[in-house]
Amino acid sequence: MRRLLLSAAVLLSLSAVAQGVSAAPACRDAKGKFIKCPPPAPPAATRCKDAKGKYAKCSAPGAKPV
């Protein structure tokens, strides 16, 4: 009986931990208060250069990303 109660308590504690992990990350300021998370930075634009070293469209033949 004790073993059953112990295993039930372990399962309940593991489920509580799993719920905390699945939640969205919380953003906090320097004082520790919850704040709205800033939006992620947009990806940097990809630029390409041709064989001569000049900037060109990435779809151009021989263009390589910088």
Protein backbone atom coordinates (compact mmCIF):
# COMPACT_ATOMS: atom_id res chain seq x y z
CA MET A 1 0.00 0.00 0.00
CA ARG A 2 2.84 2.38 0.85
CA ARG A 3 4.55 1.61 -2.43
CA LEU A 4 1.37 2.47 -4.33
CA LEU A 5 0.98 5.79 -2.51
CA LEU A 6 4.65 6.62 -3.05
CA SER A 7 4.47 5.89 -6.78
CA ALA A 8 1.30 8.02 -7.08
CA ALA A 9 3.03 10.92 -5.33
CA VAL A 10 6.05 10.63 -7.65
CA LEU A 11 3.82 10.62 -10.74
CA LEU A 12 1.94 13.69 -9.54
CA SER A 13 5.14 15.60 -8.86
CA LEU A 14 6.56 14.67 -12.28
CA SER A 15 3.40 15.83 -14.06
CA ALA A 16 3.59 19.19 -12.24
CA VAL A 17 7.20 19.63 -13.35
CA ALA A 18 6.35 18.71 -16.95
CA GLN A 19 3.60 21.35 -17.05
CA GLY A 20 6.03 24.03 -15.88
CA VAL A 21 8.53 23.10 -18.60
CA SER A 22 5.98 23.20 -21.40
CA ALA A 23 4.85 26.73 -20.57
CA ALA A 24 6.12 29.64 -22.65
CA PRO A 25 9.30 31.29 -21.38
CA ALA A 26 8.63 34.20 -19.05
CA CYS A 27 10.47 37.45 -19.58
CA ARG A 28 11.52 39.45 -16.56
CA ASP A 29 13.11 42.85 -16.12
CA ALA A 30 16.12 43.69 -13.94
CA LYS A 31 13.93 43.87 -10.82
CA GLY A 32 12.48 40.41 -11.46
CA LYS A 33 9.00 41.55 -12.49
CA PHE A 34 7.24 39.85 -15.39
CA ILE A 35 7.17 41.89 -18.59
CA LYS A 36 6.01 41.32 -22.14
CA CYS A 37 8.70 39.50 -24.13
CA PRO A 38 10.22 41.50 -26.98
CA PRO A 39 9.53 40.16 -30.48
CA PRO A 40 12.31 38.07 -32.03
CA ALA A 41 14.68 39.95 -34.31
CA PRO A 42 13.97 39.57 -38.04
CA PRO A 43 16.51 37.49 -39.92
CA ALA A 44 19.28 39.41 -41.62
CA ALA A 45 18.91 39.84 -45.34
CA THR A 46 21.09 37.47 -47.34
CA ARG A 47 23.48 39.20 -49.72
CA CYS A 48 25.39 37.58 -52.53
CA LYS A 49 28.50 38.50 -54.47
CA ASP A 50 29.51 37.48 -57.96
CA ALA A 51 32.91 36.18 -59.07
CA LYS A 52 34.29 39.73 -59.36
CA GLY A 53 33.36 40.54 -55.76
CA LYS A 54 30.48 42.89 -56.60
CA TYR A 55 27.06 42.54 -55.01
CA ALA A 56 24.61 40.67 -57.20
CA LYS A 57 21.22 38.97 -56.98
CA CYS A 58 21.49 35.59 -55.35
CA SER A 59 19.64 34.05 -58.29
CA ALA A 60 22.38 35.22 -60.70
CA PRO A 61 24.70 32.51 -62.04
CA GLY A 62 27.92 32.23 -60.05
CA ALA A 63 26.63 34.31 -57.10
CA LYS A 64 27.61 33.11 -53.65
CA PRO A 65 26.22 34.20 -50.27
CA VAL A 66 28.49 36.47 -48.25
